[in-house]
N, C-alpha and C. Protein backbone atom coordinates (compact mmCIF):
# COMPACT_ATOMS: atom_id res chain seq x y z
N MET A 1 130.08 -84.15 144.94
CA MET A 1 128.91 -84.95 144.62
C MET A 1 128.34 -84.49 143.29
N ASN A 2 127.78 -85.41 142.56
CA ASN A 2 127.23 -85.15 141.24
C ASN A 2 125.96 -84.31 141.34
N ASN A 3 125.82 -83.31 140.46
CA ASN A 3 124.62 -82.48 140.44
C ASN A 3 123.38 -83.31 140.12
N LYS A 4 123.53 -84.33 139.28
CA LYS A 4 122.42 -85.22 138.93
C LYS A 4 121.85 -85.85 140.20
N LEU A 5 122.71 -86.29 141.09
CA LEU A 5 122.28 -86.89 142.34
C LEU A 5 121.67 -85.83 143.26
N ASP A 6 122.26 -84.66 143.32
CA ASP A 6 121.75 -83.58 144.17
C ASP A 6 120.32 -83.20 143.80
N ASP A 7 120.03 -83.11 142.50
CA ASP A 7 118.71 -82.70 142.05
C ASP A 7 117.62 -83.63 142.54
N TYR A 8 117.89 -84.92 142.60
CA TYR A 8 116.86 -85.89 142.95
C TYR A 8 116.84 -86.25 144.43
N THR A 9 117.79 -85.77 145.21
CA THR A 9 117.85 -86.21 146.61
C THR A 9 117.69 -85.07 147.61
N LYS A 10 117.34 -83.90 147.16
CA LYS A 10 117.22 -82.76 148.07
C LYS A 10 116.23 -83.02 149.20
N ASN A 11 115.09 -83.63 148.90
CA ASN A 11 114.05 -83.86 149.89
C ASN A 11 113.82 -85.34 150.15
N CYS A 12 114.82 -86.16 149.92
CA CYS A 12 114.65 -87.61 150.06
C CYS A 12 114.98 -88.03 151.49
N PHE A 13 113.97 -88.55 152.19
CA PHE A 13 114.14 -88.99 153.57
C PHE A 13 115.18 -90.10 153.67
N LEU A 14 115.09 -91.08 152.76
CA LEU A 14 116.01 -92.22 152.81
C LEU A 14 117.44 -91.77 152.58
N TYR A 15 117.65 -90.91 151.60
CA TYR A 15 119.00 -90.44 151.29
C TYR A 15 119.56 -89.58 152.43
N GLU A 16 118.74 -88.71 153.00
CA GLU A 16 119.21 -87.84 154.08
C GLU A 16 119.62 -88.63 155.32
N ASN A 17 119.03 -89.80 155.52
CA ASN A 17 119.30 -90.60 156.71
C ASN A 17 120.21 -91.80 156.43
N THR A 18 120.88 -91.77 155.29
CA THR A 18 121.83 -92.82 154.93
C THR A 18 123.24 -92.35 155.30
N LEU A 19 124.07 -93.28 155.71
CA LEU A 19 125.45 -92.94 156.04
C LEU A 19 126.17 -92.38 154.82
N PRO A 20 127.01 -91.37 154.99
CA PRO A 20 127.73 -90.78 153.86
C PRO A 20 128.58 -91.79 153.08
N GLU A 21 129.02 -92.86 153.73
CA GLU A 21 129.81 -93.87 153.04
C GLU A 21 129.02 -94.56 151.93
N TRP A 22 127.71 -94.56 152.02
CA TRP A 22 126.87 -95.22 151.02
C TRP A 22 126.53 -94.32 149.84
N TRP A 23 126.77 -93.02 149.95
CA TRP A 23 126.36 -92.08 148.91
C TRP A 23 127.01 -92.38 147.56
N ASP A 24 128.29 -92.76 147.55
CA ASP A 24 128.96 -93.09 146.29
C ASP A 24 128.33 -94.32 145.64
N LEU A 25 127.98 -95.31 146.45
CA LEU A 25 127.34 -96.51 145.92
C LEU A 25 125.96 -96.18 145.34
N ILE A 26 125.22 -95.35 146.04
CA ILE A 26 123.91 -94.93 145.54
C ILE A 26 124.06 -94.22 144.20
N GLN A 27 125.05 -93.37 144.12
CA GLN A 27 125.29 -92.60 142.90
C GLN A 27 125.66 -93.51 141.73
N THR A 28 126.47 -94.54 141.96
CA THR A 28 126.88 -95.41 140.86
C THR A 28 125.79 -96.40 140.47
N LYS A 29 124.92 -96.76 141.39
CA LYS A 29 123.88 -97.75 141.11
C LYS A 29 122.54 -97.16 140.67
N GLN A 30 122.37 -95.85 140.78
CA GLN A 30 121.07 -95.27 140.47
C GLN A 30 120.79 -95.30 138.97
N THR A 31 119.53 -95.48 138.65
CA THR A 31 119.06 -95.41 137.28
C THR A 31 117.81 -94.56 137.28
N ILE A 32 117.77 -93.56 136.44
CA ILE A 32 116.61 -92.68 136.35
C ILE A 32 115.81 -93.10 135.12
N ILE A 33 114.54 -93.40 135.33
CA ILE A 33 113.68 -93.77 134.22
C ILE A 33 112.55 -92.76 134.12
N LYS A 34 112.11 -92.51 132.92
CA LYS A 34 110.95 -91.64 132.70
C LYS A 34 109.85 -92.50 132.13
N VAL A 35 108.69 -92.43 132.75
CA VAL A 35 107.56 -93.26 132.37
C VAL A 35 106.45 -92.35 131.88
N LYS A 36 105.89 -92.70 130.75
CA LYS A 36 104.78 -91.92 130.20
C LYS A 36 103.48 -92.32 130.85
N LYS A 37 102.50 -91.45 130.74
CA LYS A 37 101.18 -91.69 131.32
C LYS A 37 100.60 -93.00 130.80
N GLY A 38 100.15 -93.85 131.72
CA GLY A 38 99.56 -95.12 131.35
C GLY A 38 100.55 -96.26 131.17
N GLN A 39 101.83 -95.96 131.20
CA GLN A 39 102.86 -96.99 131.00
C GLN A 39 103.15 -97.71 132.31
N LYS A 40 103.24 -99.04 132.27
CA LYS A 40 103.58 -99.83 133.46
C LYS A 40 105.10 -99.89 133.60
N PHE A 41 105.56 -99.85 134.83
CA PHE A 41 106.98 -100.06 135.07
C PHE A 41 107.23 -101.14 136.11
N ILE A 42 106.18 -101.59 136.79
CA ILE A 42 106.26 -102.71 137.71
C ILE A 42 105.00 -103.54 137.52
N ASP A 43 105.14 -104.85 137.41
CA ASP A 43 103.99 -105.75 137.32
C ASP A 43 103.85 -106.52 138.63
N GLU A 44 102.62 -106.73 139.03
CA GLU A 44 102.35 -107.47 140.27
C GLU A 44 102.91 -108.88 140.17
N GLY A 45 103.62 -109.30 141.21
CA GLY A 45 104.15 -110.65 141.28
C GLY A 45 105.55 -110.80 140.71
N THR A 46 106.09 -109.76 140.08
CA THR A 46 107.45 -109.87 139.54
C THR A 46 108.46 -109.42 140.58
N GLU A 47 109.68 -109.88 140.42
CA GLU A 47 110.75 -109.54 141.35
C GLU A 47 111.12 -108.07 141.19
N THR A 48 111.27 -107.38 142.32
CA THR A 48 111.66 -105.99 142.31
C THR A 48 113.17 -105.91 142.29
N LEU A 49 113.70 -105.03 141.45
CA LEU A 49 115.14 -104.93 141.29
C LEU A 49 115.75 -103.77 142.07
N GLY A 50 114.96 -103.07 142.85
CA GLY A 50 115.50 -101.96 143.61
C GLY A 50 114.41 -101.18 144.30
N ILE A 51 114.72 -99.95 144.63
CA ILE A 51 113.78 -99.04 145.27
C ILE A 51 113.42 -97.98 144.24
N TYR A 52 112.14 -97.67 144.15
CA TYR A 52 111.68 -96.68 143.18
C TYR A 52 111.24 -95.42 143.91
N PHE A 53 111.68 -94.28 143.43
CA PHE A 53 111.28 -92.99 143.96
C PHE A 53 110.55 -92.23 142.87
N ILE A 54 109.44 -91.63 143.22
CA ILE A 54 108.67 -90.83 142.28
C ILE A 54 109.06 -89.37 142.52
N HIS A 55 109.67 -88.75 141.52
CA HIS A 55 110.12 -87.37 141.68
C HIS A 55 109.11 -86.37 141.17
N LYS A 56 108.27 -86.79 140.25
CA LYS A 56 107.30 -85.87 139.67
C LYS A 56 106.14 -86.69 139.13
N GLY A 57 104.93 -86.28 139.42
CA GLY A 57 103.77 -86.96 138.89
C GLY A 57 103.08 -87.84 139.91
N PHE A 58 102.21 -88.72 139.42
CA PHE A 58 101.42 -89.59 140.28
C PHE A 58 101.53 -91.02 139.81
N VAL A 59 101.25 -91.95 140.71
CA VAL A 59 101.29 -93.38 140.39
C VAL A 59 100.00 -94.02 140.90
N LYS A 60 99.41 -94.85 140.06
CA LYS A 60 98.25 -95.66 140.48
C LYS A 60 98.75 -97.06 140.78
N VAL A 61 98.30 -97.61 141.89
CA VAL A 61 98.66 -98.97 142.25
C VAL A 61 97.42 -99.84 142.09
N HIS A 62 97.50 -100.81 141.19
CA HIS A 62 96.38 -101.72 140.92
C HIS A 62 96.63 -103.04 141.63
N LYS A 63 95.63 -103.53 142.33
CA LYS A 63 95.71 -104.81 143.04
C LYS A 63 94.67 -105.75 142.45
N HIS A 64 95.11 -106.92 142.02
CA HIS A 64 94.19 -107.91 141.48
C HIS A 64 93.70 -108.80 142.61
N TRP A 65 92.39 -108.94 142.71
CA TRP A 65 91.75 -109.72 143.76
C TRP A 65 90.79 -110.68 143.07
N GLY A 66 91.32 -111.85 142.70
CA GLY A 66 90.50 -112.80 141.95
C GLY A 66 90.22 -112.25 140.56
N GLN A 67 88.95 -112.09 140.24
CA GLN A 67 88.53 -111.54 138.95
C GLN A 67 88.46 -110.02 138.97
N ARG A 68 88.55 -109.44 140.15
CA ARG A 68 88.39 -107.98 140.30
C ARG A 68 89.73 -107.28 140.34
N GLU A 69 89.72 -106.03 139.97
CA GLU A 69 90.92 -105.20 140.04
C GLU A 69 90.58 -103.96 140.84
N MET A 70 91.41 -103.64 141.81
CA MET A 70 91.18 -102.47 142.66
C MET A 70 92.34 -101.50 142.50
N ILE A 71 92.03 -100.22 142.59
CA ILE A 71 93.09 -99.20 142.65
C ILE A 71 93.28 -98.88 144.12
N VAL A 72 94.47 -99.12 144.62
CA VAL A 72 94.77 -98.95 146.03
C VAL A 72 95.23 -97.53 146.27
């Protein structure tokens, strides 16, 4: 198994409970992105292209409610 995959999946509940047959597919399909503070990587209402895991740092989730915006 690739060390790159090992580093990010040591404590991953989803990965630990996935069948070993899927591990190669996960490894070939994974994309690691680095996001700077304040940068958006998902917009509300857009199609999601996968599952996102946060390995380091924090994420704020903003919900638009009419004219108001809430941090969930």
